[in-house]
Protein backbone atom coordinates (compact mmCIF):
# COMPACT_ATOMS: atom_id res chain seq x y z
CA MET A 1 70.86 95.84 136.42
CA ILE A 2 72.30 99.16 135.24
CA LYS A 3 69.76 101.89 134.58
CA THR A 4 71.46 103.54 131.57
CA ALA A 5 74.43 102.45 129.48
CA ILE A 6 76.16 103.74 126.36
CA VAL A 7 77.15 101.52 123.46
CA TRP A 8 80.08 103.35 121.90
CA PHE A 9 80.21 102.24 118.26
CA LYS A 10 83.55 102.46 116.45
CA THR A 11 84.49 99.96 113.74
CA ASP A 12 81.65 97.59 114.62
CA LEU A 13 78.81 99.29 112.77
CA ARG A 14 76.28 96.44 112.83
CA VAL A 15 73.44 94.94 114.84
CA GLU A 16 73.97 91.30 113.78
CA ASP A 17 76.67 89.40 115.73
CA ASN A 18 77.60 92.36 117.89
CA GLU A 19 78.55 91.11 121.36
CA THR A 20 79.03 94.65 122.69
CA LEU A 21 75.45 95.56 121.85
CA ILE A 22 73.96 92.29 123.16
CA LYS A 23 75.83 92.49 126.49
CA ALA A 24 74.77 96.11 126.97
CA ILE A 25 71.11 95.21 126.37
CA LEU A 26 71.29 92.29 128.81
CA GLN A 27 72.82 94.39 131.59
CA SER A 28 70.92 97.66 131.23
CA GLU A 29 67.40 99.00 131.41
CA GLN A 30 68.07 101.41 128.57
CA ILE A 31 70.95 102.04 126.20
CA ILE A 32 72.19 104.97 124.16
CA PRO A 33 74.08 104.03 120.97
CA VAL A 34 76.76 106.65 120.26
CA TYR A 35 79.24 107.28 117.46
CA CYS A 36 81.96 109.91 117.87
CA PHE A 37 83.62 111.53 114.87
CA ASP A 38 87.10 111.65 116.33
CA ASP A 39 88.89 114.85 115.26
CA SER A 40 92.21 113.00 115.13
CA HIS A 41 90.87 110.74 112.35
CA PHE A 42 90.60 113.71 110.01
CA GLU A 43 93.99 115.28 110.63
CA THR A 44 96.99 115.18 108.31
CA THR A 45 99.54 112.59 109.41
CA LYS A 46 103.27 113.17 109.80
CA TYR A 47 103.67 111.58 106.36
CA GLY A 48 101.72 114.42 104.76
CA PHE A 49 98.51 112.51 103.98
CA LYS A 50 95.03 112.84 105.38
CA LYS A 51 94.33 110.10 107.89
CA THR A 52 90.93 109.46 106.30
CA GLY A 53 90.32 110.43 102.69
CA SER A 54 87.00 111.26 101.07
CA PHE A 55 86.24 107.79 99.64
CA ARG A 56 86.48 106.10 103.03
CA THR A 57 84.63 108.94 104.76
CA GLN A 58 81.76 108.67 102.27
CA PHE A 59 81.58 104.93 102.99
CA LEU A 60 81.59 105.66 106.73
CA LEU A 61 78.73 108.18 106.43
CA GLU A 62 76.66 105.62 104.49
CA SER A 63 77.43 102.96 107.10
CA LEU A 64 76.31 105.22 109.96
CA GLN A 65 73.10 106.12 108.13
CA ASP A 66 72.35 102.42 107.71
CA LEU A 67 73.20 101.64 111.34
CA ASP A 68 70.81 104.38 112.47
CA ASN A 69 68.05 102.91 110.26
CA ASN A 70 68.64 99.42 111.66
CA LEU A 71 68.68 100.68 115.25
CA ARG A 72 65.47 102.69 114.74
CA ASP A 73 63.76 99.54 113.43
CA ILE A 74 64.24 98.03 116.89
CA GLY A 75 63.36 101.05 118.99
CA SER A 76 66.59 103.01 119.24
CA GLY A 77 68.77 105.24 117.05
CA LEU A 78 72.30 106.57 116.78
CA LEU A 79 73.52 109.65 118.61
CA ILE A 80 76.34 111.41 116.74
CA VAL A 81 78.96 113.56 118.42
CA LYS A 82 82.10 115.17 117.03
CA GLY A 83 85.35 116.06 118.76
CA LYS A 84 87.67 114.16 121.08
CA PRO A 85 86.07 110.94 122.41
CA GLU A 86 87.59 111.52 125.86
CA ILE A 87 85.63 114.80 126.04
CA GLU A 88 82.46 113.90 124.13
CA ILE A 89 81.67 110.48 125.65
CA PRO A 90 81.91 111.76 129.28
CA LYS A 91 79.58 114.64 128.37
CA ILE A 92 76.85 112.14 127.39
CA VAL A 93 77.61 110.10 130.52
CA GLN A 94 76.88 113.17 132.65
CA GLU A 95 73.84 114.26 130.67
CA TYR A 96 72.09 110.87 130.83
CA LYS A 97 73.57 109.72 134.20
CA VAL A 98 75.17 106.73 132.47
CA GLN A 99 76.73 104.06 134.71
CA LYS A 100 78.59 102.01 132.13
CA VAL A 101 80.01 102.33 128.62
CA PHE A 102 80.25 99.25 126.40
CA ALA A 103 82.68 99.32 123.47
CA LYS A 104 84.74 97.27 121.08
CA ARG A 105 88.25 96.41 122.32
CA GLU A 106 91.11 98.00 120.39
CA VAL A 107 94.53 96.55 119.62
CA ALA A 108 96.45 99.19 117.63
CA TYR A 109 98.46 101.90 119.36
CA GLU A 110 96.48 105.11 118.66
CA GLU A 111 93.13 103.40 119.13
CA LYS A 112 94.26 101.91 122.44
CA ARG A 113 95.53 105.29 123.59
CA THR A 114 92.12 106.88 122.87
CA GLU A 115 90.40 104.01 124.70
CA LYS A 116 92.62 104.63 127.74
CA LEU A 117 91.95 108.39 127.71
CA VAL A 118 88.20 107.73 127.66
CA GLN A 119 88.51 105.17 130.44
CA ASP A 120 90.46 107.60 132.64
CA GLU A 121 87.81 110.31 132.21
CA LEU A 122 84.99 107.85 132.90
CA PHE A 123 86.73 106.68 136.07
CA LYS A 124 86.52 110.23 137.43
CA LEU A 125 82.76 110.07 136.85
CA ARG A 126 82.51 106.62 138.52
CA CYS A 127 81.49 105.13 135.19
CA GLU A 128 82.93 101.83 134.00
CA LEU A 129 84.20 101.02 130.50
CA GLU A 130 83.82 97.40 129.43
CA THR A 131 85.27 96.25 126.12
CA PHE A 132 84.67 93.21 123.94
CA SER A 133 86.71 91.61 121.22
CA THR A 134 84.40 91.63 118.19
CA SER A 135 86.64 91.90 115.11
CA THR A 136 88.16 88.47 114.65
CA LEU A 137 87.14 85.04 113.49
CA TYR A 138 88.83 83.35 116.46
CA HIS A 139 88.51 84.92 119.88
CA ALA A 140 91.89 85.81 121.42
CA GLU A 141 90.99 83.85 124.56
CA ASP A 142 90.38 80.68 122.52
CA LEU A 143 93.77 80.63 120.78
CA PRO A 144 96.09 77.72 121.61
CA PHE A 145 98.77 80.21 122.74
CA SER A 146 99.01 83.37 124.81
CA ILE A 147 99.35 86.63 122.85
CA LYS A 148 103.05 86.93 123.67
CA ASN A 149 103.69 83.39 122.40
CA ILE A 150 101.80 83.63 119.11
CA PRO A 151 104.12 82.43 116.31
CA ASP A 152 105.35 85.28 114.11
CA VAL A 153 105.02 83.04 111.04
CA PHE A 154 101.49 82.79 109.66
CA THR A 155 101.67 79.12 108.65
CA ASN A 156 102.62 78.04 112.17
CA PHE A 157 99.86 80.22 113.63
CA ARG A 158 97.28 78.92 111.16
CA LYS A 159 98.02 75.20 111.54
CA LYS A 160 97.89 75.18 115.31
CA THR A 161 94.85 77.48 115.48
CA GLU A 162 92.87 75.44 112.95
CA GLN A 163 93.74 72.27 114.84
CA ASP A 164 93.22 73.39 118.44
CA ALA A 165 90.80 76.33 118.51
CA THR A 166 87.10 76.58 117.76
CA ILE A 167 85.15 79.48 116.29
CA ARG A 168 82.43 80.82 118.58
CA ALA A 169 78.77 80.99 117.59
CA VAL A 170 77.40 84.29 116.31
CA PHE A 171 75.22 86.57 118.44
CA LYS A 172 71.71 86.96 117.13
CA LYS A 173 70.50 90.42 116.23
CA PRO A 174 68.51 92.04 119.08
CA VAL A 175 64.75 92.15 118.59
CA LYS A 176 64.13 95.23 120.72
CA ILE A 177 66.24 97.96 122.29
CA ASN A 178 64.99 100.24 125.03
CA SER A 179 66.41 103.71 124.56
CA PRO A 180 65.51 107.21 125.66
CA SER A 181 64.26 109.38 122.80
CA ILE A 182 67.22 109.79 120.41
CA PRO A 183 67.16 112.81 118.09
CA SER A 184 67.15 112.12 114.37
CA LEU A 185 70.54 111.38 112.85
CA ASN A 186 72.78 114.38 112.40
CA LEU A 187 75.77 113.43 110.29
CA PRO A 188 78.58 115.84 109.44
CA THR A 189 79.22 116.50 105.74
CA LEU A 190 82.49 115.92 103.92
CA LYS A 191 82.89 119.68 103.90
CA THR A 192 82.58 120.03 107.68
CA LEU A 193 85.21 117.27 107.98
CA ASP A 194 87.47 119.35 105.73
CA LEU A 195 87.23 116.96 102.79
CA GLU A 196 86.14 117.39 99.21
CA PHE A 197 83.68 115.05 97.56
CA SER A 198 85.23 112.88 94.83
CA ALA A 199 82.94 110.88 92.63
CA ILE A 200 84.16 107.31 92.18
CA ASP A 201 85.39 106.70 88.63
CA SER A 202 82.91 104.79 86.45
CA ARG A 203 85.58 102.15 85.71
CA ALA A 204 85.57 101.06 89.37
CA ALA A 205 85.62 97.30 89.92
CA ILE A 206 82.72 97.61 92.37
CA LYS A 207 80.51 100.43 93.57
CA PHE A 208 80.99 100.20 97.32
CA LYS A 209 78.15 101.47 99.47
CA GLY A 210 78.54 101.51 103.24
CA GLY A 211 76.39 99.73 105.79
CA GLU A 212 75.35 96.37 107.18
CA THR A 213 72.43 96.09 104.73
CA GLU A 214 74.81 96.41 101.76
CA ALA A 215 77.27 93.97 103.37
CA MET A 216 74.51 91.36 103.66
CA ASN A 217 73.44 92.02 100.06
CA ARG A 218 77.02 91.54 98.87
CA LEU A 219 77.40 88.28 100.78
CA ASN A 220 74.12 86.99 99.41
CA HIS A 221 75.15 87.95 95.88
CA TYR A 222 78.64 86.45 96.06
CA PHE A 223 77.56 83.24 97.79
CA PHE A 224 74.01 82.26 97.00
CA GLU A 225 73.03 84.18 93.86
CA THR A 226 76.17 83.68 91.76
CA LYS A 227 77.84 80.78 93.70
CA ASN A 228 81.14 82.55 93.02
CA LEU A 229 82.40 81.30 96.36
CA SER A 230 82.93 77.89 94.73
CA ILE A 231 85.55 79.35 92.35
CA TYR A 232 87.06 81.97 94.68
CA LYS A 233 90.52 80.40 94.82
CA GLU A 234 90.85 80.33 91.01
CA THR A 235 89.57 83.86 90.42
CA ARG A 236 90.78 85.81 93.49
CA ASN A 237 93.87 87.17 91.73
CA GLY A 238 91.73 88.85 89.08
CA MET A 239 91.91 92.58 88.47
CA ILE A 240 88.78 93.63 86.57
CA GLY A 241 85.14 93.47 87.65
CA ALA A 242 83.11 92.99 90.80
CA ASP A 243 83.09 89.24 91.21
CA TYR A 244 86.64 87.90 90.89
CA SER A 245 86.92 88.21 94.69
CA SER A 246 84.51 88.58 97.60
CA LYS A 247 85.17 92.34 98.09
CA PHE A 248 84.08 91.97 101.73
CA SER A 249 87.09 93.92 103.01
CA ALA A 250 85.45 97.37 103.04
CA TRP A 251 82.51 96.17 105.14
CA LEU A 252 84.81 94.15 107.38
CA SER A 253 87.01 97.18 107.98
CA LEU A 254 84.13 99.15 109.54
CA GLY A 255 82.59 96.07 111.10
CA CYS A 256 79.41 96.30 109.00
CA ILE A 257 79.72 92.51 108.93
CA SER A 258 81.70 90.20 111.20
CA PRO A 259 84.19 87.49 110.16
CA ARG A 260 82.24 84.99 112.27
CA PHE A 261 79.00 85.82 110.47
CA ILE A 262 80.78 85.27 107.12
CA TYR A 263 82.19 81.97 108.42
CA ASN A 264 78.72 80.88 109.48
CA GLU A 265 77.35 81.63 106.01
CA ILE A 266 80.26 79.74 104.39
CA LYS A 267 79.26 76.70 106.45
CA LYS A 268 75.63 77.06 105.27
CA TYR A 269 76.86 77.40 101.70
CA GLU A 270 79.04 74.29 101.98
CA PHE A 271 76.12 72.32 103.36
CA GLN A 272 73.99 73.40 100.41
CA PHE A 273 76.47 73.39 97.52
CA GLY A 274 79.44 71.40 98.78
CA ALA A 275 82.79 72.35 100.27
CA ASN A 276 85.94 72.67 98.17
CA GLU A 277 89.31 74.39 98.22
CA SER A 278 87.69 77.74 97.34
CA THR A 279 85.21 77.70 100.22
CA TYR A 280 88.10 76.93 102.57
CA TRP A 281 90.25 79.65 101.01
CA LEU A 282 87.93 82.42 102.08
CA VAL A 283 88.25 81.21 105.67
CA PHE A 284 92.03 81.12 105.10
CA GLU A 285 91.95 84.80 104.09
CA LEU A 286 89.86 85.70 107.17
CA LEU A 287 92.57 83.98 109.22
CA TRP A 288 95.21 86.28 107.73
CA ARG A 289 93.11 89.17 108.99
CA ASP A 290 93.04 87.64 112.45
CA PHE A 291 96.77 87.03 112.34
CA PHE A 292 97.64 90.69 111.72
CA ARG A 293 95.28 91.77 114.47
CA PHE A 294 96.89 89.40 116.96
CA MET A 295 100.33 90.53 115.79
CA PHE A 296 99.37 94.10 116.68
CA LYS A 297 98.32 92.91 120.14
CA LYS A 298 101.69 91.22 120.47
CA HIS A 299 104.08 93.78 118.95
CA GLN A 300 102.12 97.00 119.53
CA THR A 301 103.93 100.09 118.25
CA LYS A 302 106.62 98.18 116.35
CA PHE A 303 104.55 97.97 113.17
CA PHE A 304 104.85 101.75 112.80
CA LEU A 305 108.65 101.76 113.05
CA TYR A 306 110.83 101.69 109.97
CA SER A 307 112.50 98.50 111.22
CA GLY A 308 109.09 96.91 111.93
CA ILE A 309 109.14 93.89 114.21
CA LYS A 310 112.75 93.08 113.31
CA THR A 311 115.19 93.51 116.16
CA GLU A 312 118.10 95.02 114.24
CA LYS A 313 117.89 98.77 113.76
CA ILE A 314 117.84 99.86 110.12
CA ASN A 315 118.43 103.43 109.02
CA SER A 316 115.34 104.68 107.28
CA LYS A 317 115.54 105.72 103.65
CA SER A 318 115.16 109.32 102.66
CA LEU A 319 112.05 110.55 100.95
CA ASN A 320 112.13 111.54 97.30
CA ASN A 321 109.05 113.71 96.76
CA LYS A 322 109.29 113.50 92.99
CA LEU A 323 109.28 109.67 93.00
CA LEU A 324 106.49 109.62 95.58
CA SER A 325 104.35 111.90 93.42
CA GLN A 326 105.02 109.78 90.31
CA TRP A 327 103.99 106.63 92.20
CA ILE A 328 100.78 108.23 93.53
CA ASN A 329 99.77 109.68 90.18
CA GLY A 330 100.58 106.66 88.02
CA LYS A 331 103.58 108.24 86.30
CA THR A 332 106.30 105.66 87.05
CA THR A 333 108.34 103.68 84.52
CA SER A 334 105.95 100.70 84.84
CA ASP A 335 102.59 100.72 83.08
CA PHE A 336 101.34 97.92 85.36
CA ILE A 337 102.11 99.92 88.49
CA ASN A 338 100.61 103.06 86.94
CA ALA A 339 97.32 101.35 86.10
CA ASN A 340 96.99 100.04 89.66
CA MET A 341 97.85 103.38 91.23
CA LEU A 342 95.31 105.20 89.06
CA GLU A 343 92.64 102.72 90.07
CA LEU A 344 93.42 103.45 93.73
CA LYS A 345 93.51 107.21 93.24
CA LEU A 346 90.21 107.35 91.33
CA THR A 347 88.18 104.69 93.16
CA GLY A 348 89.65 104.06 96.62
CA PHE A 349 90.12 100.39 95.74
CA MET A 350 92.87 98.15 94.41
CA SER A 351 93.04 94.38 93.96
CA ASN A 352 95.12 92.24 96.28
CA ARG A 353 97.46 91.43 93.39
CA GLY A 354 97.86 95.12 92.61
CA ARG A 355 98.60 96.04 96.24
CA GLN A 356 101.43 93.53 96.52
CA ASN A 357 103.01 94.75 93.32
CA VAL A 358 102.79 98.48 93.98
CA ALA A 359 104.13 97.99 97.54
CA SER A 360 107.03 95.85 96.31
CA PHE A 361 107.78 98.47 93.62
CA PHE A 362 107.69 101.26 96.22
CA CYS A 363 110.09 99.47 98.58
CA ASN A 364 112.42 97.80 96.09
CA GLU A 365 112.47 99.83 92.87
CA LEU A 366 111.89 103.29 94.31
CA ASN A 367 113.77 102.38 97.47
CA MET A 368 111.72 104.56 99.79
CA ASP A 369 110.58 104.43 103.40
CA TRP A 370 107.67 101.95 103.22
CA ARG A 371 105.68 103.89 105.82
CA PHE A 372 104.92 106.66 103.30
CA GLY A 373 103.31 104.06 101.06
CA ALA A 374 101.32 102.65 103.99
CA ALA A 375 100.21 106.17 104.99
CA TYR A 376 99.02 106.94 101.45
CA PHE A 377 97.01 103.70 101.46
CA GLU A 378 95.54 104.74 104.82
CA GLU A 379 94.18 107.92 103.29
CA GLN A 380 93.03 106.38 100.03
CA LEU A 381 91.64 102.90 100.67
CA ILE A 382 87.93 102.48 101.36
CA ASP A 383 88.75 99.17 103.06
CA TYR A 384 91.63 100.52 105.17
CA ASP A 385 92.17 98.46 108.29
CA VAL A 386 95.02 99.52 110.54
CA CYS A 387 96.33 96.00 111.26
CA SER A 388 95.96 94.58 107.75
CA ASN A 389 97.40 97.68 106.07
CA TRP A 390 100.47 98.25 108.23
CA GLY A 391 100.99 94.53 108.75
CA ASN A 392 100.98 93.83 105.01
CA TRP A 393 103.23 96.78 104.18
CA ALA A 394 105.77 95.72 106.83
CA TYR A 395 105.58 92.19 105.40
CA LEU A 396 106.36 93.38 101.88
CA ALA A 397 109.08 95.73 103.11
CA GLY A 398 110.82 92.75 104.70
CA VAL A 399 110.40 94.03 108.27
CA GLY A 400 107.20 92.18 109.17
CA ASN A 401 106.04 88.59 109.42
CA ASP A 402 107.57 87.23 106.23
CA PRO A 403 109.83 84.28 107.15
CA ARG A 404 111.72 84.77 103.85
CA GLY A 405 112.76 88.25 104.88
CA HIS A 406 112.48 90.12 101.62
CA ARG A 407 109.50 89.80 99.30
CA TYR A 408 110.60 90.98 95.87
CA PHE A 409 108.13 90.96 92.98
CA ASN A 410 109.28 90.85 89.38
CA ILE A 411 106.75 93.41 88.14
CA GLU A 412 107.04 92.60 84.43
CA LYS A 413 106.55 88.89 85.10
CA GLN A 414 103.56 89.64 87.35
CA ALA A 415 102.05 91.91 84.70
CA SER A 416 102.33 89.28 81.96
CA GLU A 417 100.90 86.62 84.27
CA TYR A 418 97.98 88.55 85.76
CA ASP A 419 97.24 90.99 82.95
CA LYS A 420 98.16 88.83 79.97
CA ASN A 421 96.24 90.74 77.33
CA LYS A 422 96.84 94.11 78.98
CA GLU A 423 93.10 94.51 79.55
CA PHE A 424 93.60 95.99 82.98
CA ARG A 425 96.24 98.40 81.73
CA LYS A 426 94.09 99.42 78.77
CA LEU A 427 91.18 100.08 81.13
CA TRP A 428 93.13 102.47 83.37
CA LEU A 429 95.68 103.99 81.03
């Protein structure tokens, strides 16, 4: 038994189905839950955008407040530090004589690099770092192929995984945590993170609020109160309102809820109200999320290259600042693109249908380096997830996992199909 351990929270801000937390409790006499505001997450990227914009930061602050509340309910609390994790985490290790740090396992390049830096510093202090895979529906170890042999085509991945792998049971929420006295929560403000508060536009499809409590409320609403899950497949390409799709992505991105927990609830729902194509389709979408995460494990830094995971080298396109600005501010030649881009700019959210269209427009009509589009989404989206964002952009740019090579959207046709009466365009323009 370890005397004292740290649970280093990152994008797993929940107490329900959190293997990292459960394993730490089982192996330690007392634990200290920690969250580090990593300075690098608030810098400006080489593409000229903030890495984390104000909408997502606001959602993060709400999620941390909720996590602290939920931890205090069971005898603990959340310790907040700010700086470089490889400096801040070891400081707490020394202060509390910590023997082991438990954390979520990372797959994307920058996150893995930070994890390694922390591990190296802990090693000097004779403190171990143990990581757990807590972000996917299927556990990497349960897949019917090794990471390096995962098919690069989603359909092949999905069919074999559905046939040969099982989804693990969820971890029950801990009843009690033993912790030393943890000072009351001290969150930074948007201002101290060098961000300005932006109120979300009143036309927003949904008012996102961060935290596990809100994630559970949303699931309960979408499944059991409205039974919208039963019509998900028919409505998921909608563009106006809160309930045309599950909207779980923001909570999933910070791990306020786990894919396995959602899967479990889908099974309960099916038992109660019957299974159909729609109930399956939500699992199908969770599998896409898994797929991009496993692709990042397999291809690592390639998703951040202009040529993506394609082997042939392609010369990157030059940047046209005027066109980029028109795209961001909804001033392009397409009213459909403009309406979607304004929704993103003013709310931090855009529908799945909108995202595919604006990305296709960026790559094919404006003919620009797709990574600038992906970097703008990274700043702006409340539900930004490194693997899903960069994976999807590479896919649409024709340098990712699309077996057809180039995914070109006829924007006018899409607009007349998905916004027949121009209601969406009227709302935002």
